[in-house]
Amino acid sequence: MAKLEKTLSADFYPLLRKIENGIMNGSTTASLEDSSDFESGDARCSVRVFERYSLAGGNRVSLSITLFQNGDGPIHLSAITAGGSQAMFFKLNTFGEEAFLEKLSQLL
């Protein structure tokens, strides 16, 4: 598992669209598995779960992204990858997870 957390100054929905488009256009095997959006008062939260095939690991890896903003404050981003190992009891190789997270990092 790999994790990226950042605090960003940006417009919430344009940033969300940039992330969605960048991940989907960044790999021919990428898919948006599910999404969820919440708003309460001035706060907003969006969750996106992507998957893609990892050639290095020979399996699919997931990337979960959460964006949260309260009013006009900064956007808090949390991104976590999973599924990049072939071992049964421990992580053997996490190249696919790290590469997926790096794609997001380049978008930001």
PDB file of N, CA and C in Angstrom:
ATOM      1  N   MET A   1       0.847  -1.160   0.000  1.00  0.00           N
ATOM      2  CA  MET A   1       0.000   0.000   0.000  1.00  0.00           C
ATOM      3  C   MET A   1       0.898   1.230   0.000  1.00  0.00           C
ATOM      4  N   ALA A   2       0.481   2.202  -0.781  1.00  0.00           N
ATOM      5  CA  ALA A   2       1.183   3.476  -0.833  1.00  0.00           C
ATOM      6  C   ALA A   2       0.158   4.577  -0.581  1.00  0.00           C
ATOM      7  N   LYS A   3       0.611   5.678   0.016  1.00  0.00           N
ATOM      8  CA  LYS A   3      -0.312   6.750   0.379  1.00  0.00           C
ATOM      9  C   LYS A   3       0.292   8.104   0.052  1.00  0.00           C
ATOM     10  N   LEU A   4      -0.578   9.017  -0.394  1.00  0.00           N
ATOM     11  CA  LEU A   4      -0.197  10.397  -0.675  1.00  0.00           C
ATOM     12  C   LEU A   4      -1.237  11.299  -0.031  1.00  0.00           C
ATOM     13  N   GLU A   5      -0.790  12.258   0.763  1.00  0.00           N
ATOM     14  CA  GLU A   5      -1.695  13.237   1.355  1.00  0.00           C
ATOM     15  C   GLU A   5      -1.149  14.628   1.073  1.00  0.00           C
ATOM     16  N   LYS A   6      -2.051  15.519   0.638  1.00  0.00           N
ATOM     17  CA  LYS A   6      -1.653  16.880   0.300  1.00  0.00           C
ATOM     18  C   LYS A   6      -2.753  17.853   0.694  1.00  0.00           C
ATOM     19  N   THR A   7      -2.354  19.083   0.929  1.00  0.00           N
ATOM     20  CA  THR A   7      -3.285  20.186   1.098  1.00  0.00           C
ATOM     21  C   THR A   7      -3.070  21.106  -0.093  1.00  0.00           C
ATOM     22  N   LEU A   8      -4.167  21.404  -0.807  1.00  0.00           N
ATOM     23  CA  LEU A   8      -4.067  22.125  -2.072  1.00  0.00           C
ATOM     24  C   LEU A   8      -4.930  23.370  -2.067  1.00  0.00           C
ATOM     25  N   SER A   9      -4.485  24.376  -2.797  1.00  0.00           N
ATOM     26  CA  SER A   9      -5.297  25.568  -3.052  1.00  0.00           C
ATOM     27  C   SER A   9      -5.747  25.476  -4.503  1.00  0.00           C
ATOM     28  N   ALA A  10      -7.031  25.213  -4.706  1.00  0.00           N
ATOM     29  CA  ALA A  10      -7.565  25.054  -6.062  1.00  0.00           C
ATOM     30  C   ALA A  10      -9.073  25.151  -5.992  1.00  0.00           C
ATOM     31  N   ASP A  11      -9.715  25.173  -7.147  1.00  0.00           N
ATOM     32  CA  ASP A  11     -11.168  25.088  -7.219  1.00  0.00           C
ATOM     33  C   ASP A  11     -11.541  23.612  -7.149  1.00  0.00           C
ATOM     34  N   PHE A  12     -12.457  23.264  -6.261  1.00  0.00           N
ATOM     35  CA  PHE A  12     -12.767  21.870  -5.946  1.00  0.00           C
ATOM     36  C   PHE A  12     -13.166  21.050  -7.176  1.00  0.00           C
ATOM     37  N   TYR A  13     -14.221  21.458  -7.857  1.00  0.00           N
ATOM     38  CA  TYR A  13     -14.739  20.628  -8.947  1.00  0.00           C
ATOM     39  C   TYR A  13     -13.827  20.584 -10.173  1.00  0.00           C
ATOM     40  N   PRO A  14     -13.186  21.686 -10.567  1.00  0.00           N
ATOM     41  CA  PRO A  14     -12.201  21.567 -11.650  1.00  0.00           C
ATOM     42  C   PRO A  14     -11.032  20.637 -11.292  1.00  0.00           C
ATOM     43  N   LEU A  15     -10.593  20.664 -10.026  1.00  0.00           N
ATOM     44  CA  LEU A  15      -9.526  19.758  -9.600  1.00  0.00           C
ATOM     45  C   LEU A  15     -10.002  18.309  -9.670  1.00  0.00           C
ATOM     46  N   LEU A  16     -11.216  18.057  -9.213  1.00  0.00           N
ATOM     47  CA  LEU A  16     -11.769  16.707  -9.267  1.00  0.00           C
ATOM     48  C   LEU A  16     -11.832  16.207 -10.707  1.00  0.00           C
ATOM     49  N   ARG A  17     -12.311  17.036 -11.627  1.00  0.00           N
ATOM     50  CA  ARG A  17     -12.383  16.639 -13.053  1.00  0.00           C
ATOM     51  C   ARG A  17     -10.992  16.393 -13.627  1.00  0.00           C
ATOM     52  N   LYS A  18     -10.025  17.229 -13.246  1.00  0.00           N
ATOM     53  CA  LYS A  18      -8.648  17.051 -13.733  1.00  0.00           C
ATOM     54  C   LYS A  18      -8.098  15.698 -13.276  1.00  0.00           C
ATOM     55  N   ILE A  19      -8.352  15.335 -12.035  1.00  0.00           N
ATOM     56  CA  ILE A  19      -7.895  14.047 -11.513  1.00  0.00           C
ATOM     57  C   ILE A  19      -8.581  12.905 -12.242  1.00  0.00           C
ATOM     58  N   GLU A  20      -9.905  12.981 -12.363  1.00  0.00           N
ATOM     59  CA  GLU A  20     -10.648  11.922 -13.058  1.00  0.00           C
ATOM     60  C   GLU A  20     -10.145  11.735 -14.482  1.00  0.00           C
ATOM     61  N   ASN A  21     -10.056  12.821 -15.228  1.00  0.00           N
ATOM     62  CA  ASN A  21      -9.610  12.741 -16.621  1.00  0.00           C
ATOM     63  C   ASN A  21      -8.171  12.278 -16.735  1.00  0.00           C
ATOM     64  N   GLY A  22      -7.314  12.780 -15.858  1.00  0.00           N
ATOM     65  CA  GLY A  22      -5.902  12.408 -15.909  1.00  0.00           C
ATOM     66  C   GLY A  22      -5.671  10.939 -15.621  1.00  0.00           C
ATOM     67  N   ILE A  23      -6.380  10.389 -14.635  1.00  0.00           N
ATOM     68  CA  ILE A  23      -6.232   8.968 -14.309  1.00  0.00           C
ATOM     69  C   ILE A  23      -6.800   8.110 -15.433  1.00  0.00           C
ATOM     70  N   MET A  24      -7.986   8.457 -15.915  1.00  0.00           N
ATOM     71  CA  MET A  24      -8.624   7.662 -16.961  1.00  0.00           C
ATOM     72  C   MET A  24      -7.855   7.719 -18.278  1.00  0.00           C
ATOM     73  N   ASN A  25      -7.279   8.865 -18.614  1.00  0.00           N
ATOM     74  CA  ASN A  25      -6.533   9.004 -19.858  1.00  0.00           C
ATOM     75  C   ASN A  25      -5.080   8.570 -19.716  1.00  0.00           C
ATOM     76  N   GLY A  26      -4.647   8.289 -18.484  1.00  0.00           N
ATOM     77  CA  GLY A  26      -3.255   7.935 -18.238  1.00  0.00           C
ATOM     78  C   GLY A  26      -2.943   6.465 -18.441  1.00  0.00           C
ATOM     79  N   SER A  27      -3.969   5.641 -18.616  1.00  0.00           N
ATOM     80  CA  SER A  27      -3.766   4.203 -18.793  1.00  0.00           C
ATOM     81  C   SER A  27      -4.945   3.629 -19.566  1.00  0.00           C
ATOM     82  N   THR A  28      -4.659   2.797 -20.537  1.00  0.00           N
ATOM     83  CA  THR A  28      -5.738   2.200 -21.327  1.00  0.00           C
ATOM     84  C   THR A  28      -6.549   1.203 -20.509  1.00  0.00           C
ATOM     85  N   THR A  29      -5.989   0.719 -19.399  1.00  0.00           N
ATOM     86  CA  THR A  29      -6.707  -0.254 -18.570  1.00  0.00           C
ATOM     87  C   THR A  29      -7.373   0.367 -17.349  1.00  0.00           C
ATOM     88  N   ALA A  30      -7.254   1.690 -17.200  1.00  0.00           N
ATOM     89  CA  ALA A  30      -7.848   2.363 -16.032  1.00  0.00           C
ATOM     90  C   ALA A  30      -9.369   2.402 -16.140  1.00  0.00           C
ATOM     91  N   SER A  31     -10.010   2.213 -14.993  1.00  0.00           N
ATOM     92  CA  SER A  31     -11.474   2.306 -14.940  1.00  0.00           C
ATOM     93  C   SER A  31     -11.868   2.994 -13.632  1.00  0.00           C
ATOM     94  N   LEU A  32     -12.956   3.736 -13.693  1.00  0.00           N
ATOM     95  CA  LEU A  32     -13.533   4.339 -12.503  1.00  0.00           C
ATOM     96  C   LEU A  32     -14.514   3.313 -11.955  1.00  0.00           C
ATOM     97  N   GLU A  33     -14.177   2.719 -10.820  1.00  0.00           N
ATOM     98  CA  GLU A  33     -14.993   1.639 -10.265  1.00  0.00           C
ATOM     99  C   GLU A  33     -16.227   2.156  -9.550  1.00  0.00           C
ATOM    100  N   ASP A  34     -16.084   3.254  -8.820  1.00  0.00           N
ATOM    101  CA  ASP A  34     -17.240   3.841  -8.148  1.00  0.00           C
ATOM    102  C   ASP A  34     -16.879   5.237  -7.656  1.00  0.00           C
ATOM    103  N   SER A  35     -17.909   5.996  -7.299  1.00  0.00           N
ATOM    104  CA  SER A  35     -17.700   7.356  -6.813  1.00  0.00           C
ATOM    105  C   SER A  35     -18.785   7.704  -5.811  1.00  0.00           C
ATOM    106  N   SER A  36     -18.482   8.703  -4.979  1.00  0.00           N
ATOM    107  CA  SER A  36     -19.436   9.170  -3.995  1.00  0.00           C
ATOM    108  C   SER A  36     -19.166  10.647  -3.733  1.00  0.00           C
ATOM    109  N   ASP A  37     -20.225  11.428  -3.625  1.00  0.00           N
ATOM    110  CA  ASP A  37     -20.105  12.861  -3.389  1.00  0.00           C
ATOM    111  C   ASP A  37     -21.055  13.272  -2.271  1.00  0.00           C
ATOM    112  N   PHE A  38     -20.561  14.100  -1.360  1.00  0.00           N
ATOM    113  CA  PHE A  38     -21.358  14.606  -0.249  1.00  0.00           C
ATOM    114  C   PHE A  38     -21.177  16.112  -0.139  1.00  0.00           C
ATOM    115  N   GLU A  39     -22.237  16.787   0.229  1.00  0.00           N
ATOM    116  CA  GLU A  39     -22.162  18.202   0.572  1.00  0.00           C
ATOM    117  C   GLU A  39     -23.009  18.423   1.816  1.00  0.00           C
ATOM    118  N   SER A  40     -22.501  19.229   2.738  1.00  0.00           N
ATOM    119  CA  SER A  40     -23.237  19.593   3.943  1.00  0.00           C
ATOM    120  C   SER A  40     -22.858  21.021   4.285  1.00  0.00           C
ATOM    121  N   GLY A  41     -23.809  21.923   4.145  1.00  0.00           N
ATOM    122  CA  GLY A  41     -23.481  23.333   4.346  1.00  0.00           C
ATOM    123  C   GLY A  41     -22.448  23.760   3.324  1.00  0.00           C
ATOM    124  N   ASP A  42     -21.336  24.297   3.802  1.00  0.00           N
ATOM    125  CA  ASP A  42     -20.255  24.735   2.913  1.00  0.00           C
ATOM    126  C   ASP A  42     -19.198  23.658   2.694  1.00  0.00           C
ATOM    127  N   ALA A  43     -19.355  22.499   3.297  1.00  0.00           N
ATOM    128  CA  ALA A  43     -18.351  21.427   3.173  1.00  0.00           C
ATOM    129  C   ALA A  43     -18.708  20.494   2.027  1.00  0.00           C
ATOM    130  N   ARG A  44     -17.688  19.994   1.341  1.00  0.00           N
ATOM    131  CA  ARG A  44     -17.881  19.026   0.270  1.00  0.00           C
ATOM    132  C   ARG A  44     -16.814  17.956   0.339  1.00  0.00           C
ATOM    133  N   CYS A  45     -17.225  16.751  -0.026  1.00  0.00           N
ATOM    134  CA  CYS A  45     -16.321  15.605   0.009  1.00  0.00           C
ATOM    135  C   CYS A  45     -16.617  14.719  -1.199  1.00  0.00           C
ATOM    136  N   SER A  46     -15.586  14.334  -1.923  1.00  0.00           N
ATOM    137  CA  SER A  46     -15.729  13.438  -3.070  1.00  0.00           C
ATOM    138  C   SER A  46     -14.744  12.287  -2.925  1.00  0.00           C
ATOM    139  N   VAL A  47     -15.239  11.089  -3.210  1.00  0.00           N
ATOM    140  CA  VAL A  47     -14.416   9.880  -3.162  1.00  0.00           C
ATOM    141  C   VAL A  47     -14.470   9.227  -4.537  1.00  0.00           C
ATOM    142  N   ARG A  48     -13.307   8.821  -5.050  1.00  0.00           N
ATOM    143  CA  ARG A  48     -13.217   8.114  -6.324  1.00  0.00           C
ATOM    144  C   ARG A  48     -12.350   6.875  -6.120  1.00  0.00           C
ATOM    145  N   VAL A  49     -12.792   5.763  -6.689  1.00  0.00           N
ATOM    146  CA  VAL A  49     -12.011   4.524  -6.635  1.00  0.00           C
ATOM    147  C   VAL A  49     -11.746   4.082  -8.064  1.00  0.00           C
ATOM    148  N   PHE A  50     -10.459   4.040  -8.413  1.00  0.00           N
ATOM    149  CA  PHE A  50     -10.019   3.642  -9.747  1.00  0.00           C
ATOM    150  C   PHE A  50      -9.304   2.292  -9.669  1.00  0.00           C
ATOM    151  N   GLU A  51      -9.293   1.577 -10.780  1.00  0.00           N
ATOM    152  CA  GLU A  51      -8.471   0.372 -10.915  1.00  0.00           C
ATOM    153  C   GLU A  51      -7.749   0.432 -12.243  1.00  0.00           C
ATOM    154  N   ARG A  52      -6.628  -0.267 -12.292  1.00  0.00           N
ATOM    155  CA  ARG A  52      -5.930  -0.452 -13.558  1.00  0.00           C
ATOM    156  C   ARG A  52      -5.087  -1.710 -13.465  1.00  0.00           C
ATOM    157  N   TYR A  53      -4.725  -2.232 -14.614  1.00  0.00           N
ATOM    158  CA  TYR A  53      -3.878  -3.416 -14.674  1.00  0.00           C
ATOM    159  C   TYR A  53      -2.424  -2.997 -14.502  1.00  0.00           C
ATOM    160  N   SER A  54      -1.697  -3.729 -13.670  1.00  0.00           N
ATOM    161  CA  SER A  54      -0.276  -3.477 -13.463  1.00  0.00           C
ATOM    162  C   SER A  54       0.529  -4.561 -14.158  1.00  0.00           C
ATOM    163  N   LEU A  55       1.199  -4.193 -15.214  1.00  0.00           N
ATOM    164  CA  LEU A  55       2.028  -5.150 -15.946  1.00  0.00           C
ATOM    165  C   LEU A  55       3.165  -5.659 -15.066  1.00  0.00           C
ATOM    166  N   ALA A  56       3.729  -4.777 -14.257  1.00  0.00           N
ATOM    167  CA  ALA A  56       4.847  -5.164 -13.381  1.00  0.00           C
ATOM    168  C   ALA A  56       4.428  -6.239 -12.384  1.00  0.00           C
ATOM    169  N   GLY A  57       3.211  -6.123 -11.847  1.00  0.00           N
ATOM    170  CA  GLY A  57       2.740  -7.080 -10.857  1.00  0.00           C
ATOM    171  C   GLY A  57       1.895  -8.190 -11.441  1.00  0.00           C
ATOM    172  N   GLY A  58       1.435  -7.995 -12.676  1.00  0.00           N
ATOM    173  CA  GLY A  58       0.590  -8.993 -13.307  1.00  0.00           C
ATOM    174  C   GLY A  58      -0.785  -9.085 -12.665  1.00  0.00           C
ATOM    175  N   ASN A  59      -1.267  -7.972 -12.118  1.00  0.00           N
ATOM    176  CA  ASN A  59      -2.572  -7.972 -11.457  1.00  0.00           C
ATOM    177  C   ASN A  59      -3.181  -6.575 -11.542  1.00  0.00           C
ATOM    178  N   ARG A  60      -4.358  -6.407 -10.964  1.00  0.00           N
ATOM    179  CA  ARG A  60      -5.007  -5.100 -10.936  1.00  0.00           C
ATOM    180  C   ARG A  60      -4.713  -4.410  -9.601  1.00  0.00           C
ATOM    181  N   VAL A  61      -4.536  -3.107  -9.670  1.00  0.00           N
ATOM    182  CA  VAL A  61      -4.317  -2.312  -8.470  1.00  0.00           C
ATOM    183  C   VAL A  61      -5.413  -1.250  -8.387  1.00  0.00           C
ATOM    184  N   SER A  62      -5.735  -0.840  -7.168  1.00  0.00           N
ATOM    185  CA  SER A  62      -6.761   0.185  -6.990  1.00  0.00           C
ATOM    186  C   SER A  62      -6.138   1.451  -6.424  1.00  0.00           C
ATOM    187  N   LEU A  63      -6.790   2.554  -6.709  1.00  0.00           N
ATOM    188  CA  LEU A  63      -6.399   3.863  -6.199  1.00  0.00           C
ATOM    189  C   LEU A  63      -7.663   4.540  -5.688  1.00  0.00           C
ATOM    190  N   SER A  64      -7.715   4.799  -4.391  1.00  0.00           N
ATOM    191  CA  SER A  64      -8.848   5.499  -3.773  1.00  0.00           C
ATOM    192  C   SER A  64      -8.426   6.925  -3.468  1.00  0.00           C
ATOM    193  N   ILE A  65      -9.223   7.877  -3.949  1.00  0.00           N
ATOM    194  CA  ILE A  65      -8.907   9.293  -3.769  1.00  0.00           C
ATOM    195  C   ILE A  65     -10.066   9.970  -3.053  1.00  0.00           C
ATOM    196  N   THR A  66      -9.739  10.702  -1.987  1.00  0.00           N
ATOM    197  CA  THR A  66     -10.741  11.489  -1.266  1.00  0.00           C
ATOM    198  C   THR A  66     -10.319  12.952  -1.291  1.00  0.00           C
ATOM    199  N   LEU A  67     -11.246  13.815  -1.704  1.00  0.00           N
ATOM    200  CA  LEU A  67     -11.051  15.264  -1.642  1.00  0.00           C
ATOM    201  C   LEU A  67     -12.049  15.819  -0.634  1.00  0.00           C
ATOM    202  N   PHE A  68     -11.575  16.715   0.240  1.00  0.00           N
ATOM    203  CA  PHE A  68     -12.460  17.349   1.225  1.00  0.00           C
ATOM    204  C   PHE A  68     -12.136  18.827   1.287  1.00  0.00           C
ATOM    205  N   GLN A  69     -13.190  19.638   1.316  1.00  0.00           N
ATOM    206  CA  GLN A  69     -13.019  21.089   1.453  1.00  0.00           C
ATOM    207  C   GLN A  69     -14.150  21.640   2.309  1.00  0.00           C
ATOM    208  N   ASN A  70     -13.805  22.515   3.217  1.00  0.00           N
ATOM    209  CA  ASN A  70     -14.788  23.194   4.057  1.00  0.00           C
ATOM    210  C   ASN A  70     -14.819  24.660   3.648  1.00  0.00           C
ATOM    211  N   GLY A  71     -15.928  25.093   3.071  1.00  0.00           N
ATOM    212  CA  GLY A  71     -16.049  26.477   2.617  1.00  0.00           C
ATOM    213  C   GLY A  71     -15.035  26.783   1.536  1.00  0.00           C
ATOM    214  N   ASP A  72     -14.368  27.923   1.679  1.00  0.00           N
ATOM    215  CA  ASP A  72     -13.335  28.319   0.717  1.00  0.00           C
ATOM    216  C   ASP A  72     -11.938  27.934   1.190  1.00  0.00           C
ATOM    217  N   GLY A  73     -11.874  27.076   2.218  1.00  0.00           N
ATOM    218  CA  GLY A  73     -10.583  26.652   2.765  1.00  0.00           C
ATOM    219  C   GLY A  73      -9.823  25.768   1.797  1.00  0.00           C
ATOM    220  N   PRO A  74      -8.666  25.318   2.212  1.00  0.00           N
ATOM    221  CA  PRO A  74      -7.856  24.453   1.345  1.00  0.00           C
ATOM    222  C   PRO A  74      -8.542  23.095   1.127  1.00  0.00           C
ATOM    223  N   ILE A  75      -8.157  22.461   0.044  1.00  0.00           N
ATOM    224  CA  ILE A  75      -8.652  21.120  -0.263  1.00  0.00           C
ATOM    225  C   ILE A  75      -7.688  20.117   0.335  1.00  0.00           C
ATOM    226  N   HIS A  76      -8.223  19.174   1.062  1.00  0.00           N
ATOM    227  CA  HIS A  76      -7.413  18.094   1.628  1.00  0.00           C
ATOM    228  C   HIS A  76      -7.599  16.871   0.741  1.00  0.00           C
ATOM    229  N   LEU A  77      -6.486  16.323   0.260  1.00  0.00           N
ATOM    230  CA  LEU A  77      -6.498  15.153  -0.605  1.00  0.00           C
ATOM    231  C   LEU A  77      -5.827  13.994   0.106  1.00  0.00           C
ATOM    232  N   SER A  78      -6.460  12.855   0.048  1.00  0.00           N
ATOM    233  CA  SER A  78      -5.871  11.617   0.543  1.00  0.00           C
ATOM    234  C   SER A  78      -6.019  10.575  -0.550  1.00  0.00           C
ATOM    235  N   ALA A  79      -4.920   9.945  -0.945  1.00  0.00           N
ATOM    236  CA  ALA A  79      -4.934   8.933  -1.994  1.00  0.00           C
ATOM    237  C   ALA A  79      -4.205   7.696  -1.483  1.00  0.00           C
ATOM    238  N   ILE A  80      -4.860   6.547  -1.608  1.00  0.00           N
ATOM    239  CA  ILE A  80      -4.291   5.295  -1.109  1.00  0.00           C
ATOM    240  C   ILE A  80      -4.436   4.218  -2.182  1.00  0.00           C
ATOM    241  N   THR A  81      -3.357   3.498  -2.440  1.00  0.00           N
ATOM    242  CA  THR A  81      -3.392   2.394  -3.401  1.00  0.00           C
ATOM    243  C   THR A  81      -3.427   1.069  -2.656  1.00  0.00           C
ATOM    244  N   ALA A  82      -3.888   0.035  -3.352  1.00  0.00           N
ATOM    245  CA  ALA A  82      -3.938  -1.307  -2.768  1.00  0.00           C
ATOM    246  C   ALA A  82      -3.987  -2.341  -3.884  1.00  0.00           C
ATOM    247  N   GLY A  83      -3.625  -3.562  -3.531  1.00  0.00           N
ATOM    248  CA  GLY A  83      -3.777  -4.683  -4.448  1.00  0.00           C
ATOM    249  C   GLY A  83      -2.586  -4.978  -5.322  1.00  0.00           C
ATOM    250  N   GLY A  84      -1.441  -4.390  -5.055  1.00  0.00           N
ATOM    251  CA  GLY A  84      -0.312  -4.549  -5.946  1.00  0.00           C
ATOM    252  C   GLY A  84       0.631  -5.688  -5.626  1.00  0.00           C
ATOM    253  N   SER A  85       0.243  -6.601  -4.760  1.00  0.00           N
ATOM    254  CA  SER A  85       1.146  -7.685  -4.382  1.00  0.00           C
ATOM    255  C   SER A  85       0.573  -9.032  -4.782  1.00  0.00           C
ATOM    256  N   GLN A  86       1.455  -9.975  -5.080  1.00  0.00           N
ATOM    257  CA  GLN A  86       1.023 -11.319  -5.439  1.00  0.00           C
ATOM    258  C   GLN A  86       1.210 -12.305  -4.296  1.00  0.00           C
ATOM    259  N   ALA A  87       1.881 -11.906  -3.250  1.00  0.00           N
ATOM    260  CA  ALA A  87       2.161 -12.813  -2.140  1.00  0.00           C
ATOM    261  C   ALA A  87       0.911 -13.027  -1.288  1.00  0.00           C
ATOM    262  N   MET A  88       0.863 -14.159  -0.609  1.00  0.00           N
ATOM    263  CA  MET A  88      -0.302 -14.492   0.185  1.00  0.00           C
ATOM    264  C   MET A  88      -0.281 -13.829   1.562  1.00  0.00           C
ATOM    265  N   PHE A  89       0.872 -13.774   2.223  1.00  0.00           N
ATOM    266  CA  PHE A  89       0.926 -13.293   3.601  1.00  0.00           C
ATOM    267  C   PHE A  89       1.702 -11.992   3.791  1.00  0.00           C
ATOM    268  N   PHE A  90       2.410 -11.527   2.780  1.00  0.00           N
ATOM    269  CA  PHE A  90       3.164 -10.284   2.899  1.00  0.00           C
ATOM    270  C   PHE A  90       3.292  -9.661   1.522  1.00  0.00           C
ATOM    271  N   LYS A  91       3.664  -8.395   1.491  1.00  0.00           N
ATOM    272  CA  LYS A  91       3.802  -7.677   0.224  1.00  0.00           C
ATOM    273  C   LYS A  91       5.129  -8.009  -0.426  1.00  0.00           C
ATOM    274  N   LEU A  92       5.044  -8.537  -1.634  1.00  0.00           N
ATOM    275  CA  LEU A  92       6.235  -8.936  -2.360  1.00  0.00           C
ATOM    276  C   LEU A  92       6.734  -7.843  -3.299  1.00  0.00           C
ATOM    277  N   ASN A  93       5.808  -7.228  -4.019  1.00  0.00           N
ATOM    278  CA  ASN A  93       6.203  -6.163  -4.925  1.00  0.00           C
ATOM    279  C   ASN A  93       5.088  -5.133  -4.958  1.00  0.00           C
ATOM    280  N   THR A  94       5.456  -3.891  -4.825  1.00  0.00           N
ATOM    281  CA  THR A  94       4.469  -2.808  -4.805  1.00  0.00           C
ATOM    282  C   THR A  94       4.706  -1.813  -5.942  1.00  0.00           C
ATOM    283  N   PHE A  95       5.404  -2.257  -6.987  1.00  0.00           N
ATOM    284  CA  PHE A  95       5.721  -1.358  -8.109  1.00  0.00           C
ATOM    285  C   PHE A  95       4.459  -0.788  -8.756  1.00  0.00           C
ATOM    286  N   GLY A  96       3.451  -1.633  -8.952  1.00  0.00           N
ATOM    287  CA  GLY A  96       2.214  -1.185  -9.591  1.00  0.00           C
ATOM    288  C   GLY A  96       1.495  -0.136  -8.778  1.00  0.00           C
ATOM    289  N   GLU A  97       1.447  -0.332  -7.458  1.00  0.00           N
ATOM    290  CA  GLU A  97       0.797   0.640  -6.583  1.00  0.00           C
ATOM    291  C   GLU A  97       1.530   1.975  -6.629  1.00  0.00           C
ATOM    292  N   GLU A  98       2.841   1.922  -6.522  1.00  0.00           N
ATOM    293  CA  GLU A  98       3.644   3.149  -6.511  1.00  0.00           C
ATOM    294  C   GLU A  98       3.538   3.891  -7.838  1.00  0.00           C
ATOM    295  N   ALA A  99       3.484   3.163  -8.949  1.00  0.00           N
ATOM    296  CA  ALA A  99       3.359   3.795 -10.269  1.00  0.00           C
ATOM    297  C   ALA A  99       1.997   4.465 -10.421  1.00  0.00           C
ATOM    298  N   PHE A 100       0.947   3.832  -9.902  1.00  0.00           N
ATOM    299  CA  PHE A 100      -0.398   4.403  -9.971  1.00  0.00           C
ATOM    300  C   PHE A 100      -0.448   5.704  -9.168  1.00  0.00           C
ATOM    301  N   LEU A 101       0.130   5.698  -7.996  1.00  0.00           N
ATOM    302  CA  LEU A 101       0.164   6.887  -7.149  1.00  0.00           C
ATOM    303  C   LEU A 101       1.032   7.980  -7.777  1.00  0.00           C
ATOM    304  N   GLU A 102       2.092   7.595  -8.437  1.00  0.00           N
ATOM    305  CA  GLU A 102       2.966   8.565  -9.101  1.00  0.00           C
ATOM    306  C   GLU A 102       2.216   9.295 -10.210  1.00  0.00           C
ATOM    307  N   LYS A 103       1.325   8.595 -10.912  1.00  0.00           N
ATOM    308  CA  LYS A 103       0.519   9.231 -11.952  1.00  0.00           C
ATOM    309  C   LYS A 103      -0.309  10.369 -11.363  1.00  0.00           C
ATOM    310  N   LEU A 104      -0.935  10.135 -10.213  1.00  0.00           N
ATOM    311  CA  LEU A 104      -1.706  11.165  -9.533  1.00  0.00           C
ATOM    312  C   LEU A 104      -0.797  12.312  -9.106  1.00  0.00           C
ATOM    313  N   SER A 105       0.350  11.993  -8.558  1.00  0.00           N
ATOM    314  CA  SER A 105       1.286  12.996  -8.101  1.00  0.00           C
ATOM    315  C   SER A 105       1.698  13.921  -9.258  1.00  0.00           C
ATOM    316  N   GLN A 106       1.898  13.353 -10.443  1.00  0.00           N
ATOM    317  CA  GLN A 106       2.249  14.163 -11.618  1.00  0.00           C
ATOM    318  C   GLN A 106       1.108  15.073 -12.023  1.00  0.00           C
ATOM    319  N   LEU A 107      -0.135  14.622 -11.870  1.00  0.00           N
ATOM    320  CA  LEU A 107      -1.292  15.446 -12.208  1.00  0.00           C
ATOM    321  C   LEU A 107      -1.409  16.674 -11.307  1.00  0.00           C
ATOM    322  N   LEU A 108      -1.008  16.500 -10.062  1.00  0.00           N
ATOM    323  CA  LEU A 108      -1.152  17.590  -9.091  1.00  0.00           C
ATOM    324  C   LEU A 108      -0.064  18.624  -9.280  1.00  0.00           C
TER     325      LEU A 108
END
